[in-house]
Amino acid sequence: MTQTDTPRAGLLYAVAAYGLWGVLPVYFLLLRPSGAIEIVAFRILWSLVFCAILLAVTRSFGRFAALARDRTITGTLALAGAFIVVNWTTFIFATLTGHVVEAALGYFINPLVTVLLGVFVLREKLKPLQWVAVGVSVVAILVIAIGYGSFPWISLVLAFSFGFYGLIKKRVGGRVDAVSGLTIETLAVAIPAGIALVVVGATSGLAFGSSGTGHVVAVVGTGVITAVPLLLFASAARRLPLSTLGLTQYIAPILQLVVGVVVLHEPMTTSRWVGFALIWVALVILSIHAVSSGRRERVSGARRLPVTTSRIANETPR
């Protein structure tokens, strides 16, 4: 295993990815007066251009072509692309309409959604502490919905769309390198993105090209700011257990909450604070369960080792 393939490298990739996602709302505000559909469509197309450049620089066209011929992989990654487009559109809509705090809530809920996906998709059985965490999160959503006067659909769409995206990426992560995988995902949704731009241009008109040079540069830059975190996330997903990857997810919503409250001055009502506090309690419960389960598995594994292997393990420098 090389140094770049270690779990430590995976953790660095994950922290970098979620850190960049945490400050994205500030960047997307620079793209006004473009709407969410226009921004997402250009994100896809400029990301595809950026991925093509990466394939050329890294000389990875052969590996990409081999993966593209595998219908199972391309179909799976196309589905991942669809989920990430839903996520992008919802997130940018939330940013442009003053709902960054609600978006942050969605990414706080995401680890709990990952647990539910384990139950309903992977047929895993929840432990009592995990059921408690899920129950607390349901109460939190109800508190926020009642206090805010509307259902937090932005939060739930973001949580579930990214939850499914992460699940799909984890399933193919061992067979697909980050650049080729992202290129296939982006290519799968490029035609719908082009159609969306044609429709927007024919109806309300495109802001791109008519809002100054700075706006054009910012829109073109969406290819880089979109592809880089996704590449980092894909690299992290290949190297980290899903439980560890889930713990790093807290970085993005914490930064988004700070941006929403401190930078954009979005309101934080009492019900919102109570709801967020309950979600944080649920996340603490999940984290405690994950840590305790990991310790039990390590102890159990050590007990099953032969005596000679245990000695070698104990003598290995840490």
Protein backbone atom coordinates (compact mmCIF):
# COMPACT_ATOMS: atom_id res chain seq x y z
CA MET A 1 0.00 0.00 0.00
CA THR A 2 1.48 3.34 -1.01
CA GLN A 3 1.36 6.41 1.18
CA THR A 4 -1.44 7.93 -0.94
CA ASP A 5 -3.58 4.79 -0.51
CA THR A 6 -3.60 4.81 3.30
CA PRO A 7 -6.62 5.61 5.49
CA ARG A 8 -4.75 8.70 6.68
CA ALA A 9 -4.64 9.99 3.11
CA GLY A 10 -8.34 9.15 2.78
CA LEU A 11 -9.08 11.22 5.89
CA LEU A 12 -7.19 14.20 4.46
CA TYR A 13 -9.15 13.90 1.20
CA ALA A 14 -12.44 13.77 3.11
CA VAL A 15 -11.62 16.81 5.27
CA ALA A 16 -10.61 18.80 2.18
CA ALA A 17 -13.76 17.79 0.29
CA TYR A 18 -16.18 18.67 3.08
CA GLY A 19 -14.28 21.86 3.89
CA LEU A 20 -14.70 23.08 0.30
CA TRP A 21 -18.38 22.10 0.28
CA GLY A 22 -18.84 24.04 3.50
CA VAL A 23 -17.90 27.39 1.94
CA LEU A 24 -19.57 26.86 -1.46
CA PRO A 25 -22.61 29.07 -0.62
CA VAL A 26 -20.35 32.13 -0.69
CA TYR A 27 -19.13 31.22 -4.18
CA PHE A 28 -22.60 30.57 -5.58
CA LEU A 29 -23.79 34.00 -4.46
CA LEU A 30 -21.21 35.43 -6.90
CA LEU A 31 -23.12 33.78 -9.76
CA ARG A 32 -26.20 35.96 -9.48
CA PRO A 33 -28.26 36.83 -11.52
CA SER A 34 -28.05 33.26 -12.87
CA GLY A 35 -30.77 30.97 -11.52
CA ALA A 36 -30.29 27.51 -10.02
CA ILE A 37 -31.01 25.60 -13.26
CA GLU A 38 -28.55 27.68 -15.28
CA ILE A 39 -25.84 27.36 -12.64
CA VAL A 40 -26.26 23.58 -12.32
CA ALA A 41 -26.21 23.09 -16.10
CA PHE A 42 -23.01 25.11 -16.46
CA ARG A 43 -21.50 23.26 -13.47
CA ILE A 44 -22.04 20.00 -15.32
CA LEU A 45 -20.65 21.18 -18.67
CA TRP A 46 -17.61 22.99 -17.27
CA SER A 47 -16.94 20.04 -14.96
CA LEU A 48 -16.90 17.80 -18.02
CA VAL A 49 -14.34 20.08 -19.67
CA PHE A 50 -12.21 20.03 -16.51
CA CYS A 51 -12.45 16.22 -16.32
CA ALA A 52 -11.36 15.91 -19.97
CA ILE A 53 -8.30 18.05 -19.19
CA LEU A 54 -7.50 15.84 -16.18
CA LEU A 55 -7.80 12.69 -18.29
CA ALA A 56 -5.39 14.19 -20.82
CA VAL A 57 -2.89 15.36 -18.20
CA THR A 58 -2.94 12.05 -16.32
CA ARG A 59 -3.06 10.01 -19.55
CA SER A 60 -6.08 8.11 -18.24
CA PHE A 61 -8.16 7.90 -21.42
CA GLY A 62 -7.44 4.17 -21.73
CA ARG A 63 -8.71 3.41 -18.22
CA PHE A 64 -11.71 5.69 -18.77
CA ALA A 65 -12.59 3.95 -22.07
CA ALA A 66 -12.36 0.52 -20.43
CA LEU A 67 -14.74 1.57 -17.66
CA ALA A 68 -17.09 3.28 -20.10
CA ARG A 69 -17.53 -0.03 -21.95
CA ASP A 70 -18.75 -1.72 -18.75
CA ARG A 71 -22.53 -1.24 -18.82
CA THR A 72 -22.95 -2.08 -15.14
CA ILE A 73 -20.46 0.55 -14.05
CA THR A 74 -21.74 3.22 -16.45
CA GLY A 75 -25.35 2.58 -15.44
CA THR A 76 -24.46 2.78 -11.75
CA LEU A 77 -22.47 5.98 -12.18
CA ALA A 78 -25.22 7.50 -14.32
CA LEU A 79 -27.59 6.91 -11.40
CA ALA A 80 -25.05 8.55 -9.08
CA GLY A 81 -24.92 11.50 -11.49
CA ALA A 82 -28.70 11.87 -11.34
CA PHE A 83 -28.67 11.97 -7.53
CA ILE A 84 -25.86 14.54 -7.41
CA VAL A 85 -27.70 16.78 -9.90
CA VAL A 86 -30.76 16.73 -7.63
CA ASN A 87 -28.46 17.59 -4.73
CA TRP A 88 -26.74 20.44 -6.60
CA THR A 89 -30.00 21.97 -7.81
CA THR A 90 -31.57 21.90 -4.36
CA PHE A 91 -28.45 23.28 -2.68
CA ILE A 92 -28.03 26.17 -5.13
CA PHE A 93 -31.74 26.98 -4.91
CA ALA A 94 -31.39 27.08 -1.11
CA THR A 95 -28.35 29.36 -1.35
CA LEU A 96 -29.92 31.83 -3.78
CA THR A 97 -33.21 32.03 -1.83
CA GLY A 98 -31.74 32.55 1.65
CA HIS A 99 -32.04 28.99 3.00
CA VAL A 100 -28.40 28.14 3.70
CA VAL A 101 -29.24 27.23 7.31
CA GLU A 102 -31.86 24.76 6.09
CA ALA A 103 -29.27 23.32 3.70
CA ALA A 104 -26.87 22.92 6.62
CA LEU A 105 -29.57 21.02 8.50
CA GLY A 106 -29.84 18.64 5.55
CA TYR A 107 -26.17 17.74 5.75
CA PHE A 108 -26.41 17.29 9.52
CA ILE A 109 -29.26 14.84 8.87
CA ASN A 110 -27.26 13.02 6.18
CA PRO A 111 -25.39 10.62 8.53
CA LEU A 112 -28.74 9.54 9.98
CA VAL A 113 -30.03 8.95 6.46
CA THR A 114 -26.96 6.77 5.85
CA VAL A 115 -28.05 4.64 8.81
CA LEU A 116 -31.57 4.32 7.40
CA LEU A 117 -30.21 3.38 3.98
CA GLY A 118 -28.26 0.63 5.69
CA VAL A 119 -31.56 -0.73 7.06
CA PHE A 120 -33.77 -0.44 3.98
CA VAL A 121 -31.20 -0.95 1.18
CA LEU A 122 -28.48 -3.13 2.71
CA ARG A 123 -30.86 -4.97 5.11
CA GLU A 124 -28.77 -4.11 8.15
CA LYS A 125 -30.22 -4.34 11.64
CA LEU A 126 -30.08 -1.28 13.87
CA LYS A 127 -28.78 -1.44 17.41
CA PRO A 128 -30.83 0.21 20.20
CA LEU A 129 -28.61 3.32 20.27
CA GLN A 130 -29.05 3.79 16.53
CA TRP A 131 -32.85 3.59 16.88
CA VAL A 132 -32.65 6.22 19.62
CA ALA A 133 -30.63 8.50 17.33
CA VAL A 134 -33.15 8.07 14.50
CA GLY A 135 -36.05 8.77 16.87
CA VAL A 136 -34.41 11.94 18.20
CA SER A 137 -33.80 13.16 14.65
CA VAL A 138 -37.46 12.64 13.73
CA VAL A 139 -38.48 14.72 16.75
CA ALA A 140 -36.00 17.41 15.68
CA ILE A 141 -37.50 17.62 12.18
CA LEU A 142 -41.00 17.90 13.64
CA VAL A 143 -39.89 20.67 16.03
CA ILE A 144 -38.34 22.65 13.18
CA ALA A 145 -41.33 22.08 10.90
CA ILE A 146 -43.87 23.18 13.51
CA GLY A 147 -41.82 26.17 14.68
CA TYR A 148 -40.90 27.33 11.18
CA GLY A 149 -44.38 26.76 9.80
CA SER A 150 -43.28 24.67 6.82
CA PHE A 151 -41.88 21.22 6.15
CA PRO A 152 -38.05 21.28 5.79
CA TRP A 153 -38.10 19.68 2.35
CA ILE A 154 -34.81 21.30 1.33
CA SER A 155 -33.04 19.58 4.24
CA LEU A 156 -34.53 16.17 3.51
CA VAL A 157 -33.93 16.29 -0.26
CA LEU A 158 -30.30 17.22 0.33
CA ALA A 159 -29.86 14.52 2.98
CA PHE A 160 -31.40 11.69 0.96
CA SER A 161 -29.93 12.63 -2.44
CA PHE A 162 -26.39 12.79 -1.06
CA GLY A 163 -27.00 9.69 1.04
CA PHE A 164 -27.85 7.68 -2.08
CA TYR A 165 -24.93 9.25 -3.95
CA GLY A 166 -22.49 8.20 -1.22
CA LEU A 167 -23.94 4.68 -1.12
CA ILE A 168 -23.53 4.25 -4.89
CA LYS A 169 -20.00 5.68 -4.90
CA LYS A 170 -19.00 3.36 -2.08
CA ARG A 171 -20.28 0.32 -3.98
CA VAL A 172 -18.21 1.02 -7.11
CA GLY A 173 -15.33 2.82 -5.40
CA GLY A 174 -12.94 -0.13 -5.46
CA ARG A 175 -13.27 -0.62 -9.22
CA VAL A 176 -13.40 2.98 -10.43
CA ASP A 177 -10.72 5.64 -10.09
CA ALA A 178 -11.85 9.12 -9.07
CA VAL A 179 -11.23 10.96 -12.37
CA SER A 180 -12.78 8.31 -14.64
CA GLY A 181 -15.75 7.88 -12.33
CA LEU A 182 -16.51 11.59 -12.20
CA THR A 183 -16.10 11.87 -15.97
CA ILE A 184 -18.65 9.11 -16.57
CA GLU A 185 -21.08 10.64 -14.05
CA THR A 186 -20.78 14.05 -15.65
CA LEU A 187 -21.01 12.72 -19.19
CA ALA A 188 -24.24 10.89 -18.30
CA VAL A 189 -25.99 14.15 -17.35
CA ALA A 190 -24.31 16.45 -19.91
CA ILE A 191 -27.06 16.15 -22.56
CA PRO A 192 -29.88 17.02 -20.09
CA ALA A 193 -27.73 19.96 -18.94
CA GLY A 194 -27.40 21.22 -22.51
CA ILE A 195 -31.14 20.90 -23.05
CA ALA A 196 -31.77 22.80 -19.81
CA LEU A 197 -29.59 25.69 -21.00
CA VAL A 198 -31.44 25.83 -24.32
CA VAL A 199 -34.80 25.96 -22.50
CA VAL A 200 -33.61 28.66 -20.06
CA GLY A 201 -32.14 30.69 -22.91
CA ALA A 202 -35.36 30.47 -24.90
CA THR A 203 -37.59 31.41 -21.97
CA SER A 204 -36.05 33.71 -19.38
CA GLY A 205 -32.66 34.21 -21.08
CA LEU A 206 -29.17 33.25 -19.89
CA ALA A 207 -27.27 35.54 -17.55
CA PHE A 208 -23.99 34.00 -18.75
CA GLY A 209 -22.33 36.34 -21.23
CA SER A 210 -24.57 39.30 -20.39
CA SER A 211 -23.57 40.05 -16.80
CA GLY A 212 -19.95 41.12 -17.13
CA THR A 213 -16.55 39.47 -17.38
CA GLY A 214 -16.39 38.66 -13.67
CA HIS A 215 -19.61 36.69 -13.92
CA VAL A 216 -18.30 34.72 -16.92
CA VAL A 217 -15.09 33.84 -15.06
CA ALA A 218 -17.05 32.78 -11.98
CA VAL A 219 -19.36 30.54 -14.03
CA VAL A 220 -16.43 28.92 -15.85
CA GLY A 221 -14.82 28.39 -12.45
CA THR A 222 -17.75 26.20 -11.40
CA GLY A 223 -16.10 23.38 -13.31
CA VAL A 224 -13.12 23.46 -10.97
CA ILE A 225 -15.00 24.09 -7.72
CA THR A 226 -17.43 21.31 -8.62
CA ALA A 227 -14.97 18.67 -9.77
CA VAL A 228 -12.25 19.09 -7.14
CA PRO A 229 -14.39 18.31 -4.04
CA LEU A 230 -16.07 15.39 -5.83
CA LEU A 231 -12.68 13.96 -6.81
CA LEU A 232 -11.50 14.33 -3.23
CA PHE A 233 -14.69 12.69 -1.96
CA ALA A 234 -14.35 9.77 -4.40
CA SER A 235 -10.73 9.28 -3.33
CA ALA A 236 -11.77 9.33 0.33
CA ALA A 237 -14.65 6.87 -0.24
CA ARG A 238 -12.21 4.35 -1.76
CA ARG A 239 -9.89 4.49 1.27
CA LEU A 240 -12.15 4.94 4.31
CA PRO A 241 -14.80 2.81 6.00
CA LEU A 242 -18.30 4.25 5.59
CA SER A 243 -18.47 4.96 9.34
CA THR A 244 -15.31 7.10 9.27
CA LEU A 245 -16.45 8.86 6.12
CA GLY A 246 -19.74 9.64 7.87
CA LEU A 247 -18.01 11.32 10.80
CA THR A 248 -16.18 13.76 8.51
CA GLN A 249 -19.51 14.87 7.02
CA TYR A 250 -20.05 17.20 9.98
CA ILE A 251 -17.40 19.60 8.67
CA ALA A 252 -19.51 20.89 5.74
CA PRO A 253 -22.75 21.66 7.63
CA ILE A 254 -20.87 23.34 10.47
CA LEU A 255 -19.23 25.71 7.99
CA GLN A 256 -22.52 26.21 6.13
CA LEU A 257 -24.30 27.05 9.39
CA VAL A 258 -21.62 29.64 10.19
CA VAL A 259 -21.96 31.13 6.69
CA GLY A 260 -25.75 31.22 6.93
CA VAL A 261 -25.95 32.80 10.39
CA VAL A 262 -22.80 34.95 10.60
CA VAL A 263 -22.17 35.95 6.98
CA LEU A 264 -25.66 35.96 5.44
CA HIS A 265 -27.54 36.82 8.67
CA GLU A 266 -30.28 34.23 8.20
CA PRO A 267 -32.68 34.03 11.17
CA MET A 268 -32.23 31.35 13.83
CA THR A 269 -35.48 31.06 15.73
CA THR A 270 -35.83 29.24 19.05
CA SER A 271 -37.43 26.25 17.32
CA ARG A 272 -34.52 26.07 14.90
CA TRP A 273 -31.97 26.11 17.71
CA VAL A 274 -33.93 23.40 19.54
CA GLY A 275 -34.19 21.32 16.36
CA PHE A 276 -30.48 21.68 15.60
CA ALA A 277 -29.63 20.81 19.21
CA LEU A 278 -31.69 17.61 18.95
CA ILE A 279 -29.96 16.68 15.68
CA TRP A 280 -26.58 17.22 17.33
CA VAL A 281 -27.68 14.97 20.23
CA ALA A 282 -28.63 12.30 17.69
CA LEU A 283 -25.24 12.66 15.98
CA VAL A 284 -23.42 12.34 19.31
CA ILE A 285 -25.37 9.14 20.00
CA LEU A 286 -24.45 7.79 16.56
CA SER A 287 -20.79 8.70 17.09
CA ILE A 288 -20.69 6.99 20.49
CA HIS A 289 -22.23 3.88 18.96
CA ALA A 290 -19.76 3.91 16.04
CA VAL A 291 -16.74 4.27 18.34
CA SER A 292 -17.92 1.60 20.79
CA SER A 293 -18.77 -0.82 17.95
CA GLY A 294 -15.37 -0.28 16.39
CA ARG A 295 -13.64 -1.04 19.68
CA ARG A 296 -15.66 -4.23 20.19
CA GLU A 297 -14.84 -5.41 16.66
CA ARG A 298 -11.13 -4.76 17.17
CA VAL A 299 -11.12 -6.61 20.51
CA SER A 300 -13.08 -9.50 19.04
CA GLY A 301 -10.73 -9.70 16.06
CA ALA A 302 -7.67 -9.67 18.32
CA ARG A 303 -9.07 -12.55 20.40
CA ARG A 304 -9.53 -14.66 17.26
CA LEU A 305 -5.89 -14.16 16.16
CA PRO A 306 -3.43 -17.04 16.66
CA VAL A 307 -0.94 -16.55 19.48
CA THR A 308 2.02 -16.04 17.13
CA THR A 309 0.12 -13.44 15.11
CA SER A 310 -0.91 -11.59 18.28
CA ARG A 311 2.70 -11.41 19.39
CA ILE A 312 3.81 -10.04 16.06
CA ALA A 313 1.02 -7.46 16.20
CA ASN A 314 2.01 -6.43 19.72
CA GLU A 315 5.64 -6.07 18.74
CA THR A 316 4.89 -3.94 15.69
CA PRO A 317 5.96 -0.29 16.26
CA ARG A 318 3.06 2.14 16.45
